[in-house]
Amino acid sequence: MRFLLLILILALVTSCTMNSVGESFSDSRNESLAKKRIQDANPGLADAKINVTSFDGIVLITGQVSSEDLIPIASAQVEPLRNVRKVHNELTVAGKTTLLSRTNDSWLTTKVKSTLSASESSDATQIKVVTENGVVYLMGLLTRAEADAAVDTTRGIKGVQKIVKVFEYIN
């Protein structure tokens, strides 16, 4: 009987983990394919600084491009990908960020993630944090209350210039 119970528990844990692994694989696939398609779509995009982040089929495109007409091309390359439910294109027309700016962004992302992890008002495992030039993008599947709490927590972190919510709300 114990053996049967152990097998049942193991099967349950494995099925839950496999679902997470499957979603993670789809997101990773979306990120790499999207970045390749964007870079191949136009020579101006190949030289741009572009980041692609995917969370449960929601894709966030951030970075800098040299002209306004390149921005919609990036979205058009990502939208037809399998398992992409929504695209948020946050590209800006600007020069590439400096090494110091990117280092600051990494530090800011770390501060936001650790502060959210310490907070009890939202599930930090369901939030992906991306920082680009001082702007913090919060992605995830949360209730509206959890999302609001995550934004409030992030708002209190020194160095955050702006917060962009890329949440999918659950009930």
Protein backbone atom coordinates (compact mmCIF):
# COMPACT_ATOMS: atom_id res chain seq x y z
CA MET A 1 0.00 0.00 0.00
CA ARG A 2 2.81 2.44 0.84
CA PHE A 3 4.48 1.64 -2.43
CA LEU A 4 1.27 2.40 -4.35
CA LEU A 5 0.86 5.68 -2.48
CA LEU A 6 4.47 6.62 -3.26
CA ILE A 7 3.95 5.90 -6.96
CA LEU A 8 0.77 7.98 -6.98
CA ILE A 9 2.51 10.94 -5.33
CA LEU A 10 5.47 10.63 -7.70
CA ALA A 11 3.13 10.57 -10.72
CA LEU A 12 1.30 13.65 -9.47
CA VAL A 13 4.52 15.60 -8.87
CA THR A 14 5.92 14.53 -12.24
CA SER A 15 2.78 15.59 -14.11
CA CYS A 16 2.81 19.01 -12.42
CA THR A 17 6.52 19.42 -13.12
CA MET A 18 6.19 18.29 -16.73
CA ASN A 19 3.52 20.93 -17.34
CA SER A 20 5.85 23.61 -15.96
CA VAL A 21 8.75 22.23 -17.97
CA GLY A 22 6.59 22.20 -21.10
CA GLU A 23 5.56 25.82 -20.62
CA SER A 24 9.14 26.79 -19.85
CA PHE A 25 10.32 25.03 -23.00
CA SER A 26 7.70 26.85 -25.11
CA ASP A 27 8.73 30.19 -23.65
CA SER A 28 12.41 29.49 -24.24
CA ARG A 29 11.64 28.39 -27.80
CA ASN A 30 9.53 31.53 -28.38
CA GLU A 31 12.36 33.76 -27.14
CA SER A 32 15.06 32.25 -29.34
CA LEU A 33 12.88 31.96 -32.46
CA ALA A 34 11.49 35.47 -32.05
CA LYS A 35 14.94 37.02 -31.65
CA LYS A 36 16.23 35.17 -34.74
CA ARG A 37 13.20 36.14 -36.85
CA ILE A 38 13.47 39.79 -35.78
CA GLN A 39 17.19 39.98 -36.58
CA ASP A 40 16.68 38.32 -39.97
CA ALA A 41 13.69 40.51 -40.94
CA ASN A 42 15.59 43.72 -41.64
CA PRO A 43 19.27 44.78 -41.64
CA GLY A 44 18.39 47.64 -39.27
CA LEU A 45 17.04 45.14 -36.75
CA ALA A 46 20.14 42.95 -37.01
CA ASP A 47 22.22 45.86 -35.65
CA ALA A 48 19.69 46.90 -32.99
CA LYS A 49 19.84 45.98 -29.31
CA ILE A 50 16.72 43.84 -28.85
CA ASN A 51 15.65 41.57 -25.99
CA VAL A 52 12.78 39.12 -26.18
CA THR A 53 11.17 37.70 -23.04
CA SER A 54 8.32 35.20 -23.00
CA PHE A 55 6.14 34.16 -20.06
CA ASP A 56 3.30 31.71 -20.61
CA GLY A 57 2.89 32.76 -24.25
CA ILE A 58 3.03 36.49 -23.58
CA VAL A 59 6.03 37.99 -25.37
CA LEU A 60 7.73 41.23 -24.37
CA ILE A 61 10.08 42.93 -26.84
CA THR A 62 12.39 45.56 -25.35
CA GLY A 63 15.45 47.44 -26.55
CA GLN A 64 16.51 50.19 -28.88
CA VAL A 65 16.20 50.55 -32.64
CA SER A 66 17.46 53.24 -35.00
CA SER A 67 14.13 54.27 -36.54
CA GLU A 68 10.40 54.23 -35.84
CA ASP A 69 9.55 52.10 -38.91
CA LEU A 70 11.51 49.13 -37.49
CA ILE A 71 9.27 48.80 -34.41
CA PRO A 72 6.20 47.21 -36.08
CA ILE A 73 8.42 44.85 -38.09
CA ALA A 74 9.55 43.25 -34.84
CA SER A 75 5.96 42.59 -33.71
CA ALA A 76 5.03 41.20 -37.10
CA GLN A 77 7.83 38.63 -36.85
CA VAL A 78 6.77 37.41 -33.41
CA GLU A 79 2.96 37.28 -33.66
CA PRO A 80 2.74 34.22 -35.97
CA LEU A 81 4.91 32.02 -33.73
CA ARG A 82 3.24 28.98 -32.23
CA ASN A 83 2.25 29.37 -28.55
CA VAL A 84 2.41 33.19 -28.69
CA ARG A 85 -0.82 34.58 -27.26
CA LYS A 86 0.06 38.26 -27.04
CA VAL A 87 2.96 40.55 -28.00
CA HIS A 88 3.96 43.68 -26.07
CA ASN A 89 6.37 45.71 -28.17
CA GLU A 90 8.24 48.22 -26.00
CA LEU A 91 11.05 49.06 -28.44
CA THR A 92 12.23 52.65 -28.38
CA VAL A 93 14.04 54.76 -30.95
CA ALA A 94 17.41 55.44 -29.34
CA GLY A 95 21.06 54.47 -29.41
CA LYS A 96 22.18 51.28 -27.71
CA THR A 97 22.41 51.48 -23.93
CA THR A 98 25.83 51.67 -22.30
CA LEU A 99 27.50 48.91 -20.33
CA LEU A 100 26.95 50.95 -17.17
CA SER A 101 23.22 51.25 -17.93
CA ARG A 102 22.90 47.51 -18.58
CA THR A 103 24.77 46.74 -15.36
CA ASN A 104 22.42 49.05 -13.45
CA ASP A 105 19.44 47.30 -15.09
CA SER A 106 20.75 43.90 -13.94
CA TRP A 107 21.21 45.21 -10.40
CA LEU A 108 17.73 46.74 -10.43
CA THR A 109 16.20 43.44 -11.65
CA THR A 110 17.96 41.61 -8.82
CA LYS A 111 16.68 44.11 -6.24
CA VAL A 112 13.12 43.84 -7.57
CA LYS A 113 13.15 40.03 -7.66
CA SER A 114 14.56 39.72 -4.15
CA THR A 115 12.12 42.28 -2.75
CA LEU A 116 9.18 40.51 -4.41
CA SER A 117 10.42 37.17 -3.09
CA ALA A 118 10.50 38.56 0.45
CA SER A 119 7.01 40.01 0.08
CA GLU A 120 4.09 37.87 1.20
CA SER A 121 1.48 39.76 -0.81
CA SER A 122 2.26 38.19 -4.20
CA ASP A 123 3.71 34.96 -5.57
CA ALA A 124 7.17 35.90 -6.87
CA THR A 125 7.46 32.58 -8.73
CA GLN A 126 4.67 33.78 -11.02
CA ILE A 127 6.38 37.10 -11.84
CA LYS A 128 9.10 37.66 -14.40
CA VAL A 129 11.06 40.90 -14.05
CA VAL A 130 12.75 42.60 -17.00
CA THR A 131 14.55 45.93 -16.69
CA GLU A 132 15.51 48.08 -19.66
CA ASN A 133 17.10 51.50 -19.19
CA GLY A 134 15.62 51.93 -15.70
CA VAL A 135 12.13 50.84 -16.76
CA VAL A 136 10.92 47.73 -14.90
CA TYR A 137 8.54 45.41 -16.75
CA LEU A 138 6.56 43.01 -14.56
CA MET A 139 5.14 39.95 -16.34
CA GLY A 140 3.10 37.10 -14.99
CA LEU A 141 -0.15 35.33 -14.24
CA LEU A 142 -1.61 36.88 -11.10
CA THR A 143 -4.81 38.02 -9.53
CA ARG A 144 -5.41 41.76 -9.78
CA ALA A 145 -4.67 42.10 -6.04
CA GLU A 146 -1.34 40.25 -6.37
CA ALA A 147 -0.39 42.37 -9.39
CA ASP A 148 -1.23 45.60 -7.56
CA ALA A 149 0.81 44.43 -4.56
CA ALA A 150 3.77 43.59 -6.82
CA VAL A 151 3.59 47.05 -8.41
CA ASP A 152 3.38 48.75 -5.01
CA THR A 153 6.36 46.76 -3.76
CA THR A 154 8.37 47.59 -6.88
CA ARG A 155 7.44 51.27 -6.68
CA GLY A 156 9.30 51.52 -3.36
CA ILE A 157 12.63 50.36 -4.79
CA LYS A 158 15.22 53.07 -5.34
CA GLY A 159 16.30 53.42 -8.97
CA VAL A 160 13.03 52.33 -10.59
CA GLN A 161 12.14 55.07 -13.07
CA LYS A 162 8.94 53.57 -14.41
CA ILE A 163 6.93 50.36 -14.04
CA VAL A 164 5.16 48.71 -16.98
CA LYS A 165 2.62 46.00 -16.16
CA VAL A 166 2.51 43.07 -18.58
CA PHE A 167 0.22 40.92 -16.46
CA GLU A 168 -2.39 38.40 -17.45
CA TYR A 169 -5.02 38.44 -14.73
CA ILE A 170 -6.51 35.30 -13.24
CA ASN A 171 -9.52 35.07 -10.97
